[in-house]
């Protein structure tokens, strides 16, 4: 893969367990805000927004069925070793908002989140 790829949920979805309600994933909305605040980051990576329901085939094809949580950052081939939180069949990835934000700071030079 030539560029890092962030996979996040579409910003508006339904959950059948909660009829007549609409939702967003706050971790994914956080990523949307970071991308909006730092346009150079948004231009440097690929972003794919996927539907909420599982199975999430667009994630599974890269990092396996057991790694369907989002947001997730798929690391490009040129990413330094040690950034990943997981590896699936040779594909390195970063799961979790805090780990992803850390990689954005290390790899793309955006500021760190305030503690």
C-alpha atoms as a PDB file:
ATOM      1  CA  UNK A   1       0.000   0.000   0.000  1.00  0.00           C
ATOM      2  CA  UNK A   2       1.400   3.374  -1.025  1.00  0.00           C
ATOM      3  CA  UNK A   3      -0.343   5.583   1.552  1.00  0.00           C
ATOM      4  CA  UNK A   4      -1.700   5.178   5.044  1.00  0.00           C
ATOM      5  CA  UNK A   5      -5.445   4.580   5.012  1.00  0.00           C
ATOM      6  CA  UNK A   6      -7.829   5.591   7.775  1.00  0.00           C
ATOM      7  CA  UNK A   7     -11.063   3.619   7.918  1.00  0.00           C
ATOM      8  CA  UNK A   8     -13.877   5.242   9.866  1.00  0.00           C
ATOM      9  CA  UNK A   9     -17.632   4.868  10.072  1.00  0.00           C
ATOM     10  CA  UNK A  10     -20.048   6.977   8.089  1.00  0.00           C
ATOM     11  CA  UNK A  11     -21.176   9.830  10.307  1.00  0.00           C
ATOM     12  CA  UNK A  12     -24.847   8.874  10.580  1.00  0.00           C
ATOM     13  CA  UNK A  13     -26.132   5.358  11.187  1.00  0.00           C
ATOM     14  CA  UNK A  14     -28.892   3.327  12.798  1.00  0.00           C
ATOM     15  CA  UNK A  15     -28.584   0.450  15.244  1.00  0.00           C
ATOM     16  CA  UNK A  16     -31.565  -1.951  15.161  1.00  0.00           C
ATOM     17  CA  UNK A  17     -31.193  -2.449  18.923  1.00  0.00           C
ATOM     18  CA  UNK A  18     -32.349   1.185  19.332  1.00  0.00           C
ATOM     19  CA  UNK A  19     -35.321   1.729  17.008  1.00  0.00           C
ATOM     20  CA  UNK A  20     -36.032   5.245  15.747  1.00  0.00           C
ATOM     21  CA  UNK A  21     -32.642   6.591  16.847  1.00  0.00           C
ATOM     22  CA  UNK A  22     -29.656   7.728  14.815  1.00  0.00           C
ATOM     23  CA  UNK A  23     -26.059   7.583  15.976  1.00  0.00           C
ATOM     24  CA  UNK A  24     -22.465   8.536  15.258  1.00  0.00           C
ATOM     25  CA  UNK A  25     -19.249   6.951  16.511  1.00  0.00           C
ATOM     26  CA  UNK A  26     -17.539   9.575  18.649  1.00  0.00           C
ATOM     27  CA  UNK A  27     -14.090   8.103  17.998  1.00  0.00           C
ATOM     28  CA  UNK A  28     -14.699   8.412  14.250  1.00  0.00           C
ATOM     29  CA  UNK A  29     -16.104  11.940  14.599  1.00  0.00           C
ATOM     30  CA  UNK A  30     -12.921  12.833  16.484  1.00  0.00           C
ATOM     31  CA  UNK A  31     -10.922  11.633  13.453  1.00  0.00           C
ATOM     32  CA  UNK A  32     -13.159  13.730  11.165  1.00  0.00           C
ATOM     33  CA  UNK A  33     -12.389  16.775  13.306  1.00  0.00           C
ATOM     34  CA  UNK A  34      -8.642  16.150  13.212  1.00  0.00           C
ATOM     35  CA  UNK A  35      -8.764  15.756   9.424  1.00  0.00           C
ATOM     36  CA  UNK A  36     -10.713  19.011   9.110  1.00  0.00           C
ATOM     37  CA  UNK A  37      -8.336  20.861  11.444  1.00  0.00           C
ATOM     38  CA  UNK A  38      -5.200  19.646   9.672  1.00  0.00           C
ATOM     39  CA  UNK A  39      -5.823  19.681   5.905  1.00  0.00           C
ATOM     40  CA  UNK A  40      -2.230  18.618   5.159  1.00  0.00           C
ATOM     41  CA  UNK A  41      -2.906  15.387   7.060  1.00  0.00           C
ATOM     42  CA  UNK A  42      -6.181  14.872   5.199  1.00  0.00           C
ATOM     43  CA  UNK A  43      -4.310  15.263   1.907  1.00  0.00           C
ATOM     44  CA  UNK A  44      -1.490  12.922   2.944  1.00  0.00           C
ATOM     45  CA  UNK A  45      -3.618   9.866   3.758  1.00  0.00           C
ATOM     46  CA  UNK A  46      -6.501   7.986   2.207  1.00  0.00           C
ATOM     47  CA  UNK A  47      -9.781   7.974   4.136  1.00  0.00           C
ATOM     48  CA  UNK A  48     -12.560   5.458   3.668  1.00  0.00           C
ATOM     49  CA  UNK A  49     -15.934   5.839   5.362  1.00  0.00           C
ATOM     50  CA  UNK A  50     -17.828   2.597   5.756  1.00  0.00           C
ATOM     51  CA  UNK A  51     -21.308   1.604   6.984  1.00  0.00           C
ATOM     52  CA  UNK A  52     -21.768   0.678  10.651  1.00  0.00           C
ATOM     53  CA  UNK A  53     -23.092  -2.903  10.465  1.00  0.00           C
ATOM     54  CA  UNK A  54     -20.834  -5.901  10.789  1.00  0.00           C
ATOM     55  CA  UNK A  55     -19.371  -7.783   9.093  1.00  0.00           C
ATOM     56  CA  UNK A  56     -17.260  -4.893   7.837  1.00  0.00           C
ATOM     57  CA  UNK A  57     -15.872  -6.431   4.673  1.00  0.00           C
ATOM     58  CA  UNK A  58     -13.730  -3.398   3.800  1.00  0.00           C
ATOM     59  CA  UNK A  59     -11.864  -3.887   7.085  1.00  0.00           C
ATOM     60  CA  UNK A  60     -11.853  -7.696   7.006  1.00  0.00           C
ATOM     61  CA  UNK A  61     -10.173  -7.779   3.587  1.00  0.00           C
ATOM     62  CA  UNK A  62      -7.165  -5.953   5.040  1.00  0.00           C
ATOM     63  CA  UNK A  63      -6.833  -7.070   8.651  1.00  0.00           C
ATOM     64  CA  UNK A  64      -9.123 -10.039   9.226  1.00  0.00           C
ATOM     65  CA  UNK A  65     -12.503 -10.761  10.754  1.00  0.00           C
ATOM     66  CA  UNK A  66     -11.322 -10.413  14.347  1.00  0.00           C
ATOM     67  CA  UNK A  67     -10.106  -6.827  13.749  1.00  0.00           C
ATOM     68  CA  UNK A  68     -13.304  -5.019  12.713  1.00  0.00           C
ATOM     69  CA  UNK A  69     -13.143  -2.163  15.224  1.00  0.00           C
ATOM     70  CA  UNK A  70     -12.925   1.339  13.826  1.00  0.00           C
ATOM     71  CA  UNK A  71     -11.333   3.767  13.586  1.00  0.00           C
ATOM     72  CA  UNK A  72      -8.358   1.864  12.242  1.00  0.00           C
ATOM     73  CA  UNK A  73      -5.305   3.124  10.388  1.00  0.00           C
ATOM     74  CA  UNK A  74      -3.782   0.795   7.812  1.00  0.00           C
ATOM     75  CA  UNK A  75      -0.095   1.569   7.531  1.00  0.00           C
ATOM     76  CA  UNK A  76       1.603   2.066   4.177  1.00  0.00           C
ATOM     77  CA  UNK A  77       4.552  -0.102   3.241  1.00  0.00           C
ATOM     78  CA  UNK A  78       6.988   2.733   3.968  1.00  0.00           C
ATOM     79  CA  UNK A  79       5.743   3.347   7.541  1.00  0.00           C
ATOM     80  CA  UNK A  80       8.465   2.831  10.149  1.00  0.00           C
ATOM     81  CA  UNK A  81       8.339  -0.357  12.195  1.00  0.00           C
ATOM     82  CA  UNK A  82       6.963  -0.044  15.692  1.00  0.00           C
ATOM     83  CA  UNK A  83       3.993   2.191  14.935  1.00  0.00           C
ATOM     84  CA  UNK A  84       1.542  -0.670  14.567  1.00  0.00           C
ATOM     85  CA  UNK A  85      -0.688  -2.073  17.288  1.00  0.00           C
ATOM     86  CA  UNK A  86      -1.323  -5.207  15.238  1.00  0.00           C
ATOM     87  CA  UNK A  87      -0.275  -7.223  12.210  1.00  0.00           C
ATOM     88  CA  UNK A  88      -2.490  -9.464  10.117  1.00  0.00           C
ATOM     89  CA  UNK A  89      -0.944 -11.517   7.318  1.00  0.00           C
ATOM     90  CA  UNK A  90       1.812  -8.967   6.917  1.00  0.00           C
ATOM     91  CA  UNK A  91      -0.515  -5.955   6.986  1.00  0.00           C
ATOM     92  CA  UNK A  92       0.354  -3.545   9.795  1.00  0.00           C
ATOM     93  CA  UNK A  93      -2.392  -1.498  11.383  1.00  0.00           C
ATOM     94  CA  UNK A  94      -3.118   0.864  14.254  1.00  0.00           C
ATOM     95  CA  UNK A  95      -6.306   0.453  16.294  1.00  0.00           C
ATOM     96  CA  UNK A  96      -7.757   2.894  18.786  1.00  0.00           C
ATOM     97  CA  UNK A  97      -8.140   6.653  18.694  1.00  0.00           C
ATOM     98  CA  UNK A  98      -5.210   7.403  20.990  1.00  0.00           C
ATOM     99  CA  UNK A  99      -2.772   5.202  19.096  1.00  0.00           C
ATOM    100  CA  UNK A 100      -3.939   6.634  15.756  1.00  0.00           C
ATOM    101  CA  UNK A 101      -3.566  10.223  16.972  1.00  0.00           C
ATOM    102  CA  UNK A 102      -0.056   9.387  18.184  1.00  0.00           C
ATOM    103  CA  UNK A 103       0.870   8.022  14.750  1.00  0.00           C
ATOM    104  CA  UNK A 104      -0.554  11.157  13.107  1.00  0.00           C
ATOM    105  CA  UNK A 105       1.732  13.251  15.312  1.00  0.00           C
ATOM    106  CA  UNK A 106       4.816  11.087  14.760  1.00  0.00           C
ATOM    107  CA  UNK A 107       4.335  10.462  11.054  1.00  0.00           C
ATOM    108  CA  UNK A 108       2.690  13.676   9.860  1.00  0.00           C
ATOM    109  CA  UNK A 109       3.823  16.261  12.376  1.00  0.00           C
ATOM    110  CA  UNK A 110       0.470  17.379  13.711  1.00  0.00           C
ATOM    111  CA  UNK A 111       0.436  18.452  17.373  1.00  0.00           C
ATOM    112  CA  UNK A 112      -0.112  15.932  20.136  1.00  0.00           C
ATOM    113  CA  UNK A 113      -3.450  15.944  21.925  1.00  0.00           C
ATOM    114  CA  UNK A 114      -3.233  17.774  25.240  1.00  0.00           C
ATOM    115  CA  UNK A 115      -3.190  15.304  28.161  1.00  0.00           C
END
